[in-house]
């Protein structure tokens, strides 16, 4: 689903048929919309997926801690990349909504995220995560001091997505949107994907895998994930298309 060289999720169901779609470096909405698809996985070692439901008191406890379910992505600090210094910063609606709203209304982005329209639509999407149980965290990706991307880091094993692929404890998913057209299509997506996957594996030692679901028809996007150290694991059936399940394994991070 995402785009040419970045993106980290599948596009919403009825938006597109076939392989045609908007331009590069877009991604899809939160995995809470991922329903009605299956994974073809020939790996005999795959574990059965559990329908995980967290007790309300446990969710309340995690929401009240300083670490939460994702070990605070916004506190992971800066990393050096070939494009410059990059870091994830928390989204502050009062300050960041105009920027994220503009990105969501980009014609190359809108069909994938389905958040185009008035600012209230983007605001509702952000507030849902910020007020939720902490399993999905919205962040801005800041490169050399300038916000250039929007990220959602989420616990795939605690998400509805886990019901549809062989999830493992602490699997961490990523959704990525590179905001401006000038930053797309030049390999930057691969650089950012690798950097954030490395951040997750470094800052979340209990996480053994980072997962993503680019559109199978979007060959440049799949290639970007491969360049970022992800492996092609399976095909995912969606109502309107097929997607590639991409996985970055901790044990293979220095090989791929």
C-alpha atoms as a PDB file:
ATOM      1  CA  UNK A   1       0.000   0.000   0.000  1.00  0.00           C
ATOM      2  CA  UNK A   2       2.373   2.703   0.706  1.00  0.00           C
ATOM      3  CA  UNK A   3       4.169   4.123  -2.026  1.00  0.00           C
ATOM      4  CA  UNK A   4       7.203   4.173  -3.928  1.00  0.00           C
ATOM      5  CA  UNK A   5       9.892   3.909  -1.342  1.00  0.00           C
ATOM      6  CA  UNK A   6       8.216   4.080   1.971  1.00  0.00           C
ATOM      7  CA  UNK A   7       5.077   3.451   3.832  1.00  0.00           C
ATOM      8  CA  UNK A   8       4.218   0.916   6.377  1.00  0.00           C
ATOM      9  CA  UNK A   9       0.716  -0.327   6.137  1.00  0.00           C
ATOM     10  CA  UNK A  10      -2.052  -1.464   3.854  1.00  0.00           C
ATOM     11  CA  UNK A  11      -4.405   0.948   2.187  1.00  0.00           C
ATOM     12  CA  UNK A  12      -8.033   1.050   3.248  1.00  0.00           C
ATOM     13  CA  UNK A  13     -10.294  -1.470   1.649  1.00  0.00           C
ATOM     14  CA  UNK A  14     -12.438  -0.060  -1.085  1.00  0.00           C
ATOM     15  CA  UNK A  15     -10.264   2.897  -2.050  1.00  0.00           C
ATOM     16  CA  UNK A  16      -8.370   1.245  -4.928  1.00  0.00           C
ATOM     17  CA  UNK A  17      -8.787  -1.725  -7.192  1.00  0.00           C
ATOM     18  CA  UNK A  18      -5.845  -3.417  -8.884  1.00  0.00           C
ATOM     19  CA  UNK A  19      -2.344  -2.059  -8.761  1.00  0.00           C
ATOM     20  CA  UNK A  20      -2.933   1.542  -9.704  1.00  0.00           C
ATOM     21  CA  UNK A  21      -2.629   4.108  -6.949  1.00  0.00           C
ATOM     22  CA  UNK A  22      -1.281   7.487  -5.993  1.00  0.00           C
ATOM     23  CA  UNK A  23       2.305   8.537  -5.822  1.00  0.00           C
ATOM     24  CA  UNK A  24       5.157   7.465  -3.609  1.00  0.00           C
ATOM     25  CA  UNK A  25       5.801   7.498   0.075  1.00  0.00           C
ATOM     26  CA  UNK A  26       2.290   7.286   1.406  1.00  0.00           C
ATOM     27  CA  UNK A  27       0.881   4.815   3.861  1.00  0.00           C
ATOM     28  CA  UNK A  28      -2.379   3.613   5.266  1.00  0.00           C
ATOM     29  CA  UNK A  29      -4.401   4.299   8.355  1.00  0.00           C
ATOM     30  CA  UNK A  30      -4.245   2.715  11.739  1.00  0.00           C
ATOM     31  CA  UNK A  31      -4.412  -1.026  11.921  1.00  0.00           C
ATOM     32  CA  UNK A  32      -7.718  -0.752  13.775  1.00  0.00           C
ATOM     33  CA  UNK A  33      -9.198  -0.658  10.277  1.00  0.00           C
ATOM     34  CA  UNK A  34      -7.508  -3.928   9.273  1.00  0.00           C
ATOM     35  CA  UNK A  35     -10.289  -6.465   9.152  1.00  0.00           C
ATOM     36  CA  UNK A  36     -11.414  -9.226   6.865  1.00  0.00           C
ATOM     37  CA  UNK A  37      -8.113 -10.476   5.513  1.00  0.00           C
ATOM     38  CA  UNK A  38      -6.004 -13.566   5.912  1.00  0.00           C
ATOM     39  CA  UNK A  39      -2.339 -14.435   5.693  1.00  0.00           C
ATOM     40  CA  UNK A  40      -0.864 -17.224   3.637  1.00  0.00           C
ATOM     41  CA  UNK A  41       2.053 -18.442   5.699  1.00  0.00           C
ATOM     42  CA  UNK A  42       3.856 -21.654   4.830  1.00  0.00           C
ATOM     43  CA  UNK A  43       6.221 -21.437   7.779  1.00  0.00           C
ATOM     44  CA  UNK A  44       5.650 -24.598   9.855  1.00  0.00           C
ATOM     45  CA  UNK A  45       7.174 -22.860  12.867  1.00  0.00           C
ATOM     46  CA  UNK A  46       4.626 -20.063  12.884  1.00  0.00           C
ATOM     47  CA  UNK A  47       2.658 -19.755  16.089  1.00  0.00           C
ATOM     48  CA  UNK A  48      -1.121 -19.666  16.093  1.00  0.00           C
ATOM     49  CA  UNK A  49      -2.552 -16.189  16.469  1.00  0.00           C
ATOM     50  CA  UNK A  50      -4.209 -15.401  19.766  1.00  0.00           C
ATOM     51  CA  UNK A  51      -7.215 -13.137  20.055  1.00  0.00           C
ATOM     52  CA  UNK A  52      -5.653 -10.932  22.682  1.00  0.00           C
ATOM     53  CA  UNK A  53      -7.874  -8.758  24.830  1.00  0.00           C
ATOM     54  CA  UNK A  54      -6.294  -6.706  27.572  1.00  0.00           C
ATOM     55  CA  UNK A  55      -8.099  -6.404  30.913  1.00  0.00           C
ATOM     56  CA  UNK A  56      -9.382  -2.908  31.549  1.00  0.00           C
ATOM     57  CA  UNK A  57      -7.390  -2.573  34.766  1.00  0.00           C
ATOM     58  CA  UNK A  58      -4.182  -3.526  32.955  1.00  0.00           C
ATOM     59  CA  UNK A  59      -4.832  -0.940  30.233  1.00  0.00           C
ATOM     60  CA  UNK A  60      -5.481   1.702  32.878  1.00  0.00           C
ATOM     61  CA  UNK A  61      -2.280   0.765  34.663  1.00  0.00           C
ATOM     62  CA  UNK A  62      -0.187   1.017  31.485  1.00  0.00           C
ATOM     63  CA  UNK A  63      -1.774   4.319  30.538  1.00  0.00           C
ATOM     64  CA  UNK A  64      -0.723   5.717  33.902  1.00  0.00           C
ATOM     65  CA  UNK A  65       2.902   4.658  33.683  1.00  0.00           C
ATOM     66  CA  UNK A  66       5.708   6.696  32.177  1.00  0.00           C
ATOM     67  CA  UNK A  67       6.700   3.855  29.858  1.00  0.00           C
ATOM     68  CA  UNK A  68       3.387   2.458  28.649  1.00  0.00           C
ATOM     69  CA  UNK A  69       2.932  -0.308  26.101  1.00  0.00           C
ATOM     70  CA  UNK A  70       5.545   0.999  23.651  1.00  0.00           C
ATOM     71  CA  UNK A  71       8.401   2.251  25.828  1.00  0.00           C
ATOM     72  CA  UNK A  72       7.778   5.885  24.815  1.00  0.00           C
ATOM     73  CA  UNK A  73       8.914   6.260  21.176  1.00  0.00           C
ATOM     74  CA  UNK A  74       9.227  10.021  21.600  1.00  0.00           C
ATOM     75  CA  UNK A  75      11.903   9.447  24.260  1.00  0.00           C
ATOM     76  CA  UNK A  76      14.082   7.189  22.118  1.00  0.00           C
ATOM     77  CA  UNK A  77      16.395  10.053  21.213  1.00  0.00           C
ATOM     78  CA  UNK A  78      18.111  11.108  17.969  1.00  0.00           C
ATOM     79  CA  UNK A  79      19.916   8.811  15.551  1.00  0.00           C
ATOM     80  CA  UNK A  80      22.466   9.597  12.860  1.00  0.00           C
ATOM     81  CA  UNK A  81      21.427   8.619   9.328  1.00  0.00           C
ATOM     82  CA  UNK A  82      22.951   9.108   5.903  1.00  0.00           C
ATOM     83  CA  UNK A  83      20.439  11.949   5.418  1.00  0.00           C
ATOM     84  CA  UNK A  84      21.191  13.666   8.725  1.00  0.00           C
ATOM     85  CA  UNK A  85      20.032  13.541  12.332  1.00  0.00           C
ATOM     86  CA  UNK A  86      16.607  11.979  12.749  1.00  0.00           C
ATOM     87  CA  UNK A  87      14.306  11.564  15.721  1.00  0.00           C
ATOM     88  CA  UNK A  88      10.694  10.791  16.542  1.00  0.00           C
ATOM     89  CA  UNK A  89       8.839  13.549  18.344  1.00  0.00           C
ATOM     90  CA  UNK A  90       5.416  13.375  20.043  1.00  0.00           C
ATOM     91  CA  UNK A  91       2.489  14.836  18.144  1.00  0.00           C
ATOM     92  CA  UNK A  92       1.007  17.894  19.857  1.00  0.00           C
ATOM     93  CA  UNK A  93      -2.360  18.557  18.290  1.00  0.00           C
ATOM     94  CA  UNK A  94      -2.412  22.273  19.122  1.00  0.00           C
ATOM     95  CA  UNK A  95       0.865  22.808  17.259  1.00  0.00           C
ATOM     96  CA  UNK A  96       1.094  19.986  14.720  1.00  0.00           C
ATOM     97  CA  UNK A  97      -2.464  19.588  13.427  1.00  0.00           C
ATOM     98  CA  UNK A  98      -2.128  22.098  10.539  1.00  0.00           C
ATOM     99  CA  UNK A  99       0.948  20.275   9.203  1.00  0.00           C
ATOM    100  CA  UNK A 100      -0.471  16.769   9.512  1.00  0.00           C
ATOM    101  CA  UNK A 101      -3.798  17.966   8.072  1.00  0.00           C
ATOM    102  CA  UNK A 102      -2.001  19.421   5.036  1.00  0.00           C
ATOM    103  CA  UNK A 103      -0.129  16.164   4.464  1.00  0.00           C
ATOM    104  CA  UNK A 104      -3.325  14.120   4.719  1.00  0.00           C
ATOM    105  CA  UNK A 105      -4.941  16.295   2.035  1.00  0.00           C
ATOM    106  CA  UNK A 106      -2.153  15.715  -0.464  1.00  0.00           C
ATOM    107  CA  UNK A 107      -3.775  13.989  -3.477  1.00  0.00           C
ATOM    108  CA  UNK A 108      -1.046  11.327  -3.407  1.00  0.00           C
ATOM    109  CA  UNK A 109      -1.781  10.574   0.237  1.00  0.00           C
ATOM    110  CA  UNK A 110      -5.542  10.954   0.619  1.00  0.00           C
ATOM    111  CA  UNK A 111      -6.654   7.702  -1.079  1.00  0.00           C
ATOM    112  CA  UNK A 112      -4.419   5.662   1.211  1.00  0.00           C
ATOM    113  CA  UNK A 113      -5.047   7.269   4.588  1.00  0.00           C
ATOM    114  CA  UNK A 114      -8.662   8.356   3.974  1.00  0.00           C
ATOM    115  CA  UNK A 115      -8.215  11.359   6.269  1.00  0.00           C
ATOM    116  CA  UNK A 116      -8.595  14.140   3.718  1.00  0.00           C
ATOM    117  CA  UNK A 117     -11.176  16.784   4.485  1.00  0.00           C
ATOM    118  CA  UNK A 118     -11.573  19.314   7.281  1.00  0.00           C
ATOM    119  CA  UNK A 119      -9.018  19.546  10.102  1.00  0.00           C
ATOM    120  CA  UNK A 120     -11.510  17.928  12.471  1.00  0.00           C
ATOM    121  CA  UNK A 121     -11.174  14.624  10.636  1.00  0.00           C
ATOM    122  CA  UNK A 122      -7.417  14.484  11.130  1.00  0.00           C
ATOM    123  CA  UNK A 123      -7.807  15.759  14.678  1.00  0.00           C
ATOM    124  CA  UNK A 124     -10.243  12.984  15.569  1.00  0.00           C
ATOM    125  CA  UNK A 125      -7.806  10.404  14.216  1.00  0.00           C
ATOM    126  CA  UNK A 126      -4.950  11.786  16.302  1.00  0.00           C
ATOM    127  CA  UNK A 127      -7.014  12.207  19.467  1.00  0.00           C
ATOM    128  CA  UNK A 128      -8.256   8.628  19.240  1.00  0.00           C
ATOM    129  CA  UNK A 129      -4.680   7.422  19.551  1.00  0.00           C
ATOM    130  CA  UNK A 130      -3.577   9.964  22.122  1.00  0.00           C
ATOM    131  CA  UNK A 131      -6.543   9.119  24.334  1.00  0.00           C
ATOM    132  CA  UNK A 132      -6.352   5.369  23.762  1.00  0.00           C
ATOM    133  CA  UNK A 133      -4.657   2.556  25.631  1.00  0.00           C
ATOM    134  CA  UNK A 134      -1.188   3.491  24.352  1.00  0.00           C
ATOM    135  CA  UNK A 135      -0.758   0.587  21.946  1.00  0.00           C
ATOM    136  CA  UNK A 136      -0.507   3.043  18.999  1.00  0.00           C
ATOM    137  CA  UNK A 137       1.504   6.252  19.253  1.00  0.00           C
ATOM    138  CA  UNK A 138       1.497   9.053  16.649  1.00  0.00           C
ATOM    139  CA  UNK A 139       4.829  10.814  16.082  1.00  0.00           C
ATOM    140  CA  UNK A 140       6.441  13.323  13.786  1.00  0.00           C
ATOM    141  CA  UNK A 141       9.679  12.305  12.113  1.00  0.00           C
ATOM    142  CA  UNK A 142      12.096  15.223  12.365  1.00  0.00           C
ATOM    143  CA  UNK A 143      15.145  15.300  10.092  1.00  0.00           C
ATOM    144  CA  UNK A 144      17.827  17.913  10.791  1.00  0.00           C
ATOM    145  CA  UNK A 145      15.310  19.883  12.848  1.00  0.00           C
ATOM    146  CA  UNK A 146      12.531  19.850  10.226  1.00  0.00           C
ATOM    147  CA  UNK A 147       9.381  17.696  10.468  1.00  0.00           C
ATOM    148  CA  UNK A 148       9.207  15.676   7.237  1.00  0.00           C
ATOM    149  CA  UNK A 149       7.183  12.576   8.088  1.00  0.00           C
ATOM    150  CA  UNK A 150       4.314  11.227  10.145  1.00  0.00           C
ATOM    151  CA  UNK A 151       4.597   7.889  11.951  1.00  0.00           C
ATOM    152  CA  UNK A 152       2.377   5.570  13.905  1.00  0.00           C
ATOM    153  CA  UNK A 153       4.294   3.095  16.037  1.00  0.00           C
ATOM    154  CA  UNK A 154       2.022   0.388  17.377  1.00  0.00           C
ATOM    155  CA  UNK A 155       1.991  -2.904  19.236  1.00  0.00           C
ATOM    156  CA  UNK A 156       0.973  -5.263  16.439  1.00  0.00           C
ATOM    157  CA  UNK A 157       0.479  -8.113  18.907  1.00  0.00           C
ATOM    158  CA  UNK A 158      -2.128  -6.075  20.822  1.00  0.00           C
ATOM    159  CA  UNK A 159      -3.831  -4.708  17.734  1.00  0.00           C
ATOM    160  CA  UNK A 160      -6.735  -6.180  15.717  1.00  0.00           C
ATOM    161  CA  UNK A 161      -4.083  -6.957  13.099  1.00  0.00           C
ATOM    162  CA  UNK A 162      -2.839  -9.756  15.375  1.00  0.00           C
ATOM    163  CA  UNK A 163      -5.975 -11.754  14.650  1.00  0.00           C
ATOM    164  CA  UNK A 164      -4.982 -12.026  10.996  1.00  0.00           C
ATOM    165  CA  UNK A 165      -1.326 -12.980  10.983  1.00  0.00           C
ATOM    166  CA  UNK A 166       0.826 -15.233  13.210  1.00  0.00           C
ATOM    167  CA  UNK A 167       1.668 -12.532  15.733  1.00  0.00           C
ATOM    168  CA  UNK A 168       4.296 -12.957  18.404  1.00  0.00           C
ATOM    169  CA  UNK A 169       4.579 -11.139  21.738  1.00  0.00           C
ATOM    170  CA  UNK A 170       5.812  -7.561  21.404  1.00  0.00           C
ATOM    171  CA  UNK A 171       5.688  -7.468  17.590  1.00  0.00           C
ATOM    172  CA  UNK A 172       5.879  -3.772  16.739  1.00  0.00           C
ATOM    173  CA  UNK A 173       4.297  -2.264  13.642  1.00  0.00           C
ATOM    174  CA  UNK A 174       5.019   0.926  11.766  1.00  0.00           C
ATOM    175  CA  UNK A 175       2.947   3.195   9.521  1.00  0.00           C
ATOM    176  CA  UNK A 176       4.809   5.925   7.660  1.00  0.00           C
ATOM    177  CA  UNK A 177       3.873   8.966   5.632  1.00  0.00           C
ATOM    178  CA  UNK A 178       6.580  11.133   4.052  1.00  0.00           C
ATOM    179  CA  UNK A 179       4.872  14.498   3.980  1.00  0.00           C
ATOM    180  CA  UNK A 180       6.089  16.560   1.039  1.00  0.00           C
ATOM    181  CA  UNK A 181       6.412  15.401  -2.559  1.00  0.00           C
ATOM    182  CA  UNK A 182       9.951  16.792  -2.765  1.00  0.00           C
ATOM    183  CA  UNK A 183      11.060  14.292  -0.104  1.00  0.00           C
ATOM    184  CA  UNK A 184       9.596  11.282  -1.910  1.00  0.00           C
ATOM    185  CA  UNK A 185      11.035   9.066  -4.575  1.00  0.00           C
ATOM    186  CA  UNK A 186      14.712   9.659  -3.782  1.00  0.00           C
ATOM    187  CA  UNK A 187      15.457   6.817  -1.394  1.00  0.00           C
ATOM    188  CA  UNK A 188      14.780   8.748   1.775  1.00  0.00           C
ATOM    189  CA  UNK A 189      11.963   6.385   2.738  1.00  0.00           C
ATOM    190  CA  UNK A 190      14.314   3.420   2.906  1.00  0.00           C
ATOM    191  CA  UNK A 191      16.736   5.374   5.076  1.00  0.00           C
ATOM    192  CA  UNK A 192      13.981   6.346   7.505  1.00  0.00           C
ATOM    193  CA  UNK A 193      12.445   2.866   7.582  1.00  0.00           C
ATOM    194  CA  UNK A 194      15.766   1.281   8.497  1.00  0.00           C
ATOM    195  CA  UNK A 195      16.482   3.954  11.098  1.00  0.00           C
ATOM    196  CA  UNK A 196      13.119   3.602  12.833  1.00  0.00           C
ATOM    197  CA  UNK A 197      13.243  -0.199  12.705  1.00  0.00           C
ATOM    198  CA  UNK A 198      16.676  -0.022  14.320  1.00  0.00           C
ATOM    199  CA  UNK A 199      15.345   2.381  16.943  1.00  0.00           C
ATOM    200  CA  UNK A 200      12.550  -0.030  17.787  1.00  0.00           C
ATOM    201  CA  UNK A 201      14.904  -2.980  18.116  1.00  0.00           C
ATOM    202  CA  UNK A 202      17.415  -0.948  20.152  1.00  0.00           C
ATOM    203  CA  UNK A 203      14.914   0.683  22.494  1.00  0.00           C
ATOM    204  CA  UNK A 204      12.547  -2.286  22.835  1.00  0.00           C
ATOM    205  CA  UNK A 205      14.759  -5.262  23.697  1.00  0.00           C
ATOM    206  CA  UNK A 206      11.672  -7.460  24.189  1.00  0.00           C
ATOM    207  CA  UNK A 207      10.667  -6.881  20.556  1.00  0.00           C
ATOM    208  CA  UNK A 208      12.025  -9.502  18.166  1.00  0.00           C
ATOM    209  CA  UNK A 209      10.285  -8.293  14.992  1.00  0.00           C
ATOM    210  CA  UNK A 210       9.145  -5.109  13.271  1.00  0.00           C
ATOM    211  CA  UNK A 211       6.257  -5.608  10.848  1.00  0.00           C
ATOM    212  CA  UNK A 212       4.762  -3.670   7.929  1.00  0.00           C
ATOM    213  CA  UNK A 213       2.274  -4.275   5.104  1.00  0.00           C
ATOM    214  CA  UNK A 214       3.021  -2.418   1.840  1.00  0.00           C
ATOM    215  CA  UNK A 215       0.807  -2.927  -1.198  1.00  0.00           C
ATOM    216  CA  UNK A 216       1.983  -6.005  -3.073  1.00  0.00           C
ATOM    217  CA  UNK A 217       1.363  -4.201  -6.373  1.00  0.00           C
ATOM    218  CA  UNK A 218       3.621  -1.345  -5.348  1.00  0.00           C
ATOM    219  CA  UNK A 219       6.910  -2.916  -6.362  1.00  0.00           C
ATOM    220  CA  UNK A 220       9.036   0.162  -5.490  1.00  0.00           C
ATOM    221  CA  UNK A 221       7.564   0.207  -1.977  1.00  0.00           C
ATOM    222  CA  UNK A 222       8.296  -3.482  -1.406  1.00  0.00           C
ATOM    223  CA  UNK A 223      11.805  -2.885  -2.730  1.00  0.00           C
ATOM    224  CA  UNK A 224      12.245  -0.034  -0.248  1.00  0.00           C
ATOM    225  CA  UNK A 225      11.389  -2.310   2.654  1.00  0.00           C
ATOM    226  CA  UNK A 226      13.811  -4.914   1.359  1.00  0.00           C
ATOM    227  CA  UNK A 227      16.494  -2.217   1.137  1.00  0.00           C
ATOM    228  CA  UNK A 228      15.681  -1.251   4.733  1.00  0.00           C
ATOM    229  CA  UNK A 229      16.393  -4.789   5.983  1.00  0.00           C
ATOM    230  CA  UNK A 230      12.873  -6.216   5.910  1.00  0.00           C
ATOM    231  CA  UNK A 231      12.164  -9.641   4.433  1.00  0.00           C
ATOM    232  CA  UNK A 232       9.138 -10.644   2.421  1.00  0.00           C
ATOM    233  CA  UNK A 233       7.206 -13.053   4.673  1.00  0.00           C
ATOM    234  CA  UNK A 234       3.769 -13.637   3.154  1.00  0.00           C
ATOM    235  CA  UNK A 235       0.958 -12.306   1.022  1.00  0.00           C
ATOM    236  CA  UNK A 236      -2.058 -10.759   2.706  1.00  0.00           C
ATOM    237  CA  UNK A 237      -5.524 -10.885   1.144  1.00  0.00           C
ATOM    238  CA  UNK A 238      -7.467  -7.626   1.435  1.00  0.00           C
ATOM    239  CA  UNK A 239     -10.947  -6.822   0.147  1.00  0.00           C
ATOM    240  CA  UNK A 240      -9.578  -4.684  -2.715  1.00  0.00           C
ATOM    241  CA  UNK A 241      -6.004  -5.850  -3.138  1.00  0.00           C
ATOM    242  CA  UNK A 242      -3.188  -8.001  -1.946  1.00  0.00           C
ATOM    243  CA  UNK A 243      -0.445  -6.774   0.380  1.00  0.00           C
ATOM    244  CA  UNK A 244       3.024  -7.957   1.292  1.00  0.00           C
ATOM    245  CA  UNK A 245       3.731  -8.777   4.916  1.00  0.00           C
ATOM    246  CA  UNK A 246       7.238  -7.462   5.534  1.00  0.00           C
ATOM    247  CA  UNK A 247       9.199  -8.373   8.659  1.00  0.00           C
ATOM    248  CA  UNK A 248      12.456  -7.046  10.066  1.00  0.00           C
ATOM    249  CA  UNK A 249      13.907  -9.700  12.363  1.00  0.00           C
ATOM    250  CA  UNK A 250      16.225  -8.840  15.209  1.00  0.00           C
ATOM    251  CA  UNK A 251      18.332 -11.923  14.483  1.00  0.00           C
ATOM    252  CA  UNK A 252      18.816 -10.828  10.858  1.00  0.00           C
ATOM    253  CA  UNK A 253      19.231  -7.076  11.353  1.00  0.00           C
ATOM    254  CA  UNK A 254      23.010  -7.147  10.734  1.00  0.00           C
ATOM    255  CA  UNK A 255      22.655  -9.481   7.770  1.00  0.00           C
ATOM    256  CA  UNK A 256      19.935  -7.771   5.734  1.00  0.00           C
END
